[in-house]
Amino acid sequence: MPNRIPNTSGLDKSPWVNKPVKVYRLPEAIAPKVLEYAHKLDNGSYDRQAELDTAIDTLTQALTLPANTGGAIKKEIRKALDKLVELNSL
């Protein structure tokens, strides 16, 4: 028999903007990062451009480090940086 007078005390308003929501099981080790990313997507604050700019800046700074392996590290960093710049221009 259905409960015609449900006890809803203790139920808070959902923090999610987009509804309905779906529950997923995640490994505890990655759950906080996934939840953070999901909330950014949900409230519209995820900025792909800013993430790409950060990656490009990091790799650009890495190019200034001395290479101990005859430039192989810098060569690989340059390839990754070129790819990110290409993605950034799309």
N, C-alpha and C. Protein backbone atom coordinates (compact mmCIF):
# COMPACT_ATOMS: atom_id res chain seq x y z
N MET A 1 0.84 -1.17 0.00
CA MET A 1 0.00 0.00 0.00
C MET A 1 0.90 1.25 0.00
N PRO A 2 0.61 2.22 -0.87
CA PRO A 2 1.45 3.41 -0.94
C PRO A 2 1.31 4.27 0.31
N ASN A 3 2.38 4.95 0.64
CA ASN A 3 2.39 5.86 1.78
C ASN A 3 1.83 7.20 1.32
N ARG A 4 0.65 7.54 1.76
CA ARG A 4 -0.03 8.75 1.30
C ARG A 4 0.50 10.01 2.00
N ILE A 5 1.15 9.84 3.12
CA ILE A 5 1.74 10.98 3.84
C ILE A 5 3.21 10.67 4.09
N PRO A 6 4.07 10.81 3.05
CA PRO A 6 5.48 10.45 3.24
C PRO A 6 6.20 11.45 4.14
N ASN A 7 7.16 10.95 4.87
CA ASN A 7 7.98 11.79 5.73
C ASN A 7 9.12 12.35 4.88
N THR A 8 9.03 13.62 4.53
CA THR A 8 10.05 14.24 3.69
C THR A 8 11.01 15.12 4.48
N SER A 9 10.89 15.11 5.80
CA SER A 9 11.81 15.91 6.60
C SER A 9 13.23 15.36 6.42
N GLY A 10 14.16 16.24 6.32
CA GLY A 10 15.54 15.81 6.12
C GLY A 10 15.94 15.74 4.66
N LEU A 11 15.00 15.86 3.75
CA LEU A 11 15.33 15.87 2.33
C LEU A 11 15.62 17.31 1.92
N ASP A 12 16.82 17.54 1.44
CA ASP A 12 17.21 18.87 1.01
C ASP A 12 16.93 19.04 -0.47
N LYS A 13 16.90 20.29 -0.89
CA LYS A 13 16.74 20.58 -2.31
C LYS A 13 17.99 20.11 -3.04
N SER A 14 17.82 19.51 -4.19
CA SER A 14 18.94 18.99 -4.97
C SER A 14 19.84 20.13 -5.45
N PRO A 15 21.17 19.95 -5.35
CA PRO A 15 22.08 21.00 -5.82
C PRO A 15 22.24 21.00 -7.34
N TRP A 16 21.65 20.03 -8.02
CA TRP A 16 21.81 19.91 -9.47
C TRP A 16 20.86 20.85 -10.20
N VAL A 17 21.37 21.53 -11.21
CA VAL A 17 20.57 22.43 -12.03
C VAL A 17 19.75 21.61 -13.03
N ASN A 18 20.43 20.71 -13.73
CA ASN A 18 19.76 19.87 -14.72
C ASN A 18 19.14 18.66 -14.04
N LYS A 19 17.88 18.43 -14.34
CA LYS A 19 17.17 17.29 -13.76
C LYS A 19 16.44 16.56 -14.85
N PRO A 20 16.12 15.33 -14.72
CA PRO A 20 16.35 14.46 -13.57
C PRO A 20 17.81 14.03 -13.48
N VAL A 21 18.19 13.51 -12.34
CA VAL A 21 19.56 13.05 -12.12
C VAL A 21 19.59 11.53 -12.11
N LYS A 22 20.77 10.99 -12.34
CA LYS A 22 20.97 9.55 -12.36
C LYS A 22 22.14 9.23 -11.42
N VAL A 23 22.04 8.15 -10.70
CA VAL A 23 23.07 7.77 -9.74
C VAL A 23 24.02 6.77 -10.39
N TYR A 24 25.32 6.98 -10.18
CA TYR A 24 26.36 6.08 -10.69
C TYR A 24 27.26 5.66 -9.55
N ARG A 25 27.79 4.46 -9.66
CA ARG A 25 28.78 3.98 -8.69
C ARG A 25 30.16 4.24 -9.28
N LEU A 26 31.04 4.83 -8.46
CA LEU A 26 32.39 5.16 -8.90
C LEU A 26 33.40 4.67 -7.87
N PRO A 27 34.60 4.37 -8.32
CA PRO A 27 35.66 4.07 -7.34
C PRO A 27 35.90 5.29 -6.46
N GLU A 28 36.10 5.07 -5.18
CA GLU A 28 36.29 6.17 -4.24
C GLU A 28 37.47 7.06 -4.61
N ALA A 29 38.48 6.48 -5.22
CA ALA A 29 39.68 7.25 -5.54
C ALA A 29 39.41 8.36 -6.55
N ILE A 30 38.47 8.16 -7.47
CA ILE A 30 38.22 9.17 -8.49
C ILE A 30 36.90 9.91 -8.29
N ALA A 31 36.10 9.49 -7.35
CA ALA A 31 34.77 10.08 -7.15
C ALA A 31 34.81 11.60 -6.93
N PRO A 32 35.71 12.15 -6.11
CA PRO A 32 35.70 13.61 -5.90
C PRO A 32 35.97 14.39 -7.19
N LYS A 33 36.91 13.92 -8.00
CA LYS A 33 37.23 14.62 -9.25
C LYS A 33 36.07 14.54 -10.24
N VAL A 34 35.44 13.36 -10.33
CA VAL A 34 34.31 13.19 -11.25
C VAL A 34 33.15 14.08 -10.81
N LEU A 35 32.89 14.13 -9.50
CA LEU A 35 31.81 14.96 -8.98
C LEU A 35 32.09 16.44 -9.22
N GLU A 36 33.33 16.86 -9.03
CA GLU A 36 33.71 18.25 -9.28
C GLU A 36 33.48 18.61 -10.75
N TYR A 37 33.92 17.74 -11.65
CA TYR A 37 33.74 17.95 -13.09
C TYR A 37 32.25 17.99 -13.45
N ALA A 38 31.48 17.07 -12.87
CA ALA A 38 30.04 17.00 -13.16
C ALA A 38 29.34 18.28 -12.70
N HIS A 39 29.71 18.81 -11.53
CA HIS A 39 29.09 20.05 -11.05
C HIS A 39 29.46 21.22 -11.95
N LYS A 40 30.70 21.25 -12.45
CA LYS A 40 31.10 22.32 -13.37
C LYS A 40 30.26 22.25 -14.65
N LEU A 41 30.08 21.06 -15.18
CA LEU A 41 29.25 20.91 -16.37
C LEU A 41 27.80 21.31 -16.09
N ASP A 42 27.30 20.91 -14.93
CA ASP A 42 25.91 21.16 -14.58
C ASP A 42 25.61 22.65 -14.44
N ASN A 43 26.50 23.39 -13.81
CA ASN A 43 26.20 24.82 -13.61
C ASN A 43 26.79 25.71 -14.70
N GLY A 44 27.39 25.10 -15.72
CA GLY A 44 27.88 25.86 -16.87
C GLY A 44 29.19 26.58 -16.66
N SER A 45 29.95 26.20 -15.63
CA SER A 45 31.21 26.91 -15.36
C SER A 45 32.44 26.20 -15.94
N TYR A 46 32.23 25.09 -16.66
CA TYR A 46 33.38 24.40 -17.26
C TYR A 46 33.86 25.21 -18.45
N ASP A 47 35.12 25.53 -18.46
CA ASP A 47 35.70 26.35 -19.52
C ASP A 47 36.82 25.59 -20.21
N ARG A 48 36.50 24.95 -21.32
CA ARG A 48 37.47 24.15 -22.06
C ARG A 48 38.65 25.01 -22.51
N GLN A 49 38.35 26.24 -22.93
CA GLN A 49 39.40 27.13 -23.41
C GLN A 49 40.42 27.41 -22.31
N ALA A 50 39.96 27.65 -21.10
CA ALA A 50 40.87 27.93 -20.00
C ALA A 50 41.75 26.72 -19.70
N GLU A 51 41.17 25.52 -19.79
CA GLU A 51 41.95 24.30 -19.54
C GLU A 51 43.02 24.13 -20.62
N LEU A 52 42.67 24.38 -21.87
CA LEU A 52 43.66 24.29 -22.95
C LEU A 52 44.76 25.33 -22.77
N ASP A 53 44.38 26.56 -22.41
CA ASP A 53 45.38 27.61 -22.19
C ASP A 53 46.34 27.24 -21.07
N THR A 54 45.84 26.64 -20.01
CA THR A 54 46.69 26.21 -18.90
C THR A 54 47.67 25.14 -19.36
N ALA A 55 47.19 24.17 -20.13
CA ALA A 55 48.07 23.10 -20.62
C ALA A 55 49.15 23.66 -21.55
N ILE A 56 48.77 24.57 -22.41
CA ILE A 56 49.73 25.17 -23.33
C ILE A 56 50.79 25.96 -22.55
N ASP A 57 50.36 26.73 -21.55
CA ASP A 57 51.31 27.49 -20.74
C ASP A 57 52.28 26.58 -20.00
N THR A 58 51.76 25.48 -19.45
CA THR A 58 52.61 24.53 -18.73
C THR A 58 53.66 23.93 -19.65
N LEU A 59 53.24 23.50 -20.81
CA LEU A 59 54.18 22.91 -21.75
C LEU A 59 55.18 23.94 -22.27
N THR A 60 54.73 25.15 -22.48
CA THR A 60 55.65 26.21 -22.94
C THR A 60 56.73 26.46 -21.90
N GLN A 61 56.35 26.49 -20.62
CA GLN A 61 57.33 26.68 -19.56
C GLN A 61 58.29 25.49 -19.48
N ALA A 62 57.76 24.28 -19.76
CA ALA A 62 58.61 23.08 -19.70
C ALA A 62 59.69 23.13 -20.77
N LEU A 63 59.45 23.81 -21.86
CA LEU A 63 60.45 23.92 -22.92
C LEU A 63 61.68 24.70 -22.47
N THR A 64 61.56 25.49 -21.44
CA THR A 64 62.69 26.27 -20.97
C THR A 64 63.61 25.47 -20.05
N LEU A 65 63.17 24.28 -19.64
CA LEU A 65 64.00 23.45 -18.76
C LEU A 65 65.15 22.83 -19.54
N PRO A 66 66.30 22.63 -18.89
CA PRO A 66 67.42 22.00 -19.59
C PRO A 66 67.13 20.52 -19.87
N ALA A 67 67.48 20.10 -21.05
CA ALA A 67 67.25 18.70 -21.42
C ALA A 67 68.51 17.90 -21.12
N ASN A 68 68.34 16.79 -20.41
CA ASN A 68 69.48 15.94 -20.07
C ASN A 68 69.63 14.76 -21.03
N THR A 69 68.71 14.65 -21.97
CA THR A 69 68.76 13.49 -22.88
C THR A 69 68.94 13.92 -24.33
N GLY A 70 69.72 14.94 -24.52
CA GLY A 70 70.03 15.36 -25.88
C GLY A 70 68.85 15.97 -26.62
N GLY A 71 67.92 16.54 -25.93
CA GLY A 71 66.80 17.21 -26.59
C GLY A 71 65.59 16.35 -26.85
N ALA A 72 65.63 15.07 -26.48
CA ALA A 72 64.49 14.18 -26.73
C ALA A 72 63.25 14.62 -25.96
N ILE A 73 63.45 15.09 -24.73
CA ILE A 73 62.32 15.55 -23.92
C ILE A 73 61.67 16.76 -24.57
N LYS A 74 62.52 17.71 -24.97
CA LYS A 74 62.00 18.91 -25.60
C LYS A 74 61.29 18.58 -26.91
N LYS A 75 61.78 17.62 -27.64
CA LYS A 75 61.15 17.22 -28.91
C LYS A 75 59.73 16.70 -28.66
N GLU A 76 59.57 15.86 -27.64
CA GLU A 76 58.26 15.31 -27.31
C GLU A 76 57.32 16.39 -26.78
N ILE A 77 57.87 17.27 -25.96
CA ILE A 77 57.05 18.37 -25.44
C ILE A 77 56.60 19.26 -26.60
N ARG A 78 57.46 19.50 -27.53
CA ARG A 78 57.12 20.33 -28.69
C ARG A 78 56.00 19.69 -29.51
N LYS A 79 56.05 18.35 -29.69
CA LYS A 79 54.98 17.66 -30.42
C LYS A 79 53.64 17.80 -29.70
N ALA A 80 53.66 17.63 -28.38
CA ALA A 80 52.43 17.76 -27.59
C ALA A 80 51.92 19.19 -27.63
N LEU A 81 52.81 20.14 -27.53
CA LEU A 81 52.42 21.54 -27.56
C LEU A 81 51.83 21.91 -28.91
N ASP A 82 52.43 21.44 -30.00
CA ASP A 82 51.90 21.71 -31.34
C ASP A 82 50.49 21.14 -31.50
N LYS A 83 50.26 19.96 -30.96
CA LYS A 83 48.94 19.35 -31.04
C LYS A 83 47.91 20.15 -30.23
N LEU A 84 48.28 20.58 -29.04
CA LEU A 84 47.37 21.40 -28.23
C LEU A 84 47.05 22.74 -28.91
N VAL A 85 48.06 23.34 -29.51
CA VAL A 85 47.83 24.60 -30.22
C VAL A 85 46.88 24.36 -31.39
N GLU A 86 47.05 23.24 -32.08
CA GLU A 86 46.16 22.89 -33.19
C GLU A 86 44.72 22.71 -32.70
N LEU A 87 44.55 21.99 -31.59
CA LEU A 87 43.21 21.78 -31.01
C LEU A 87 42.61 23.11 -30.55
N ASN A 88 43.46 23.96 -30.04
CA ASN A 88 43.01 25.24 -29.53
C ASN A 88 42.49 26.14 -30.64
N SER A 89 43.03 25.99 -31.84
CA SER A 89 42.62 26.85 -32.94
C SER A 89 41.35 26.38 -33.63
N LEU A 90 40.85 25.20 -33.28
CA LEU A 90 39.62 24.69 -33.92
C LEU A 90 38.40 25.41 -33.43
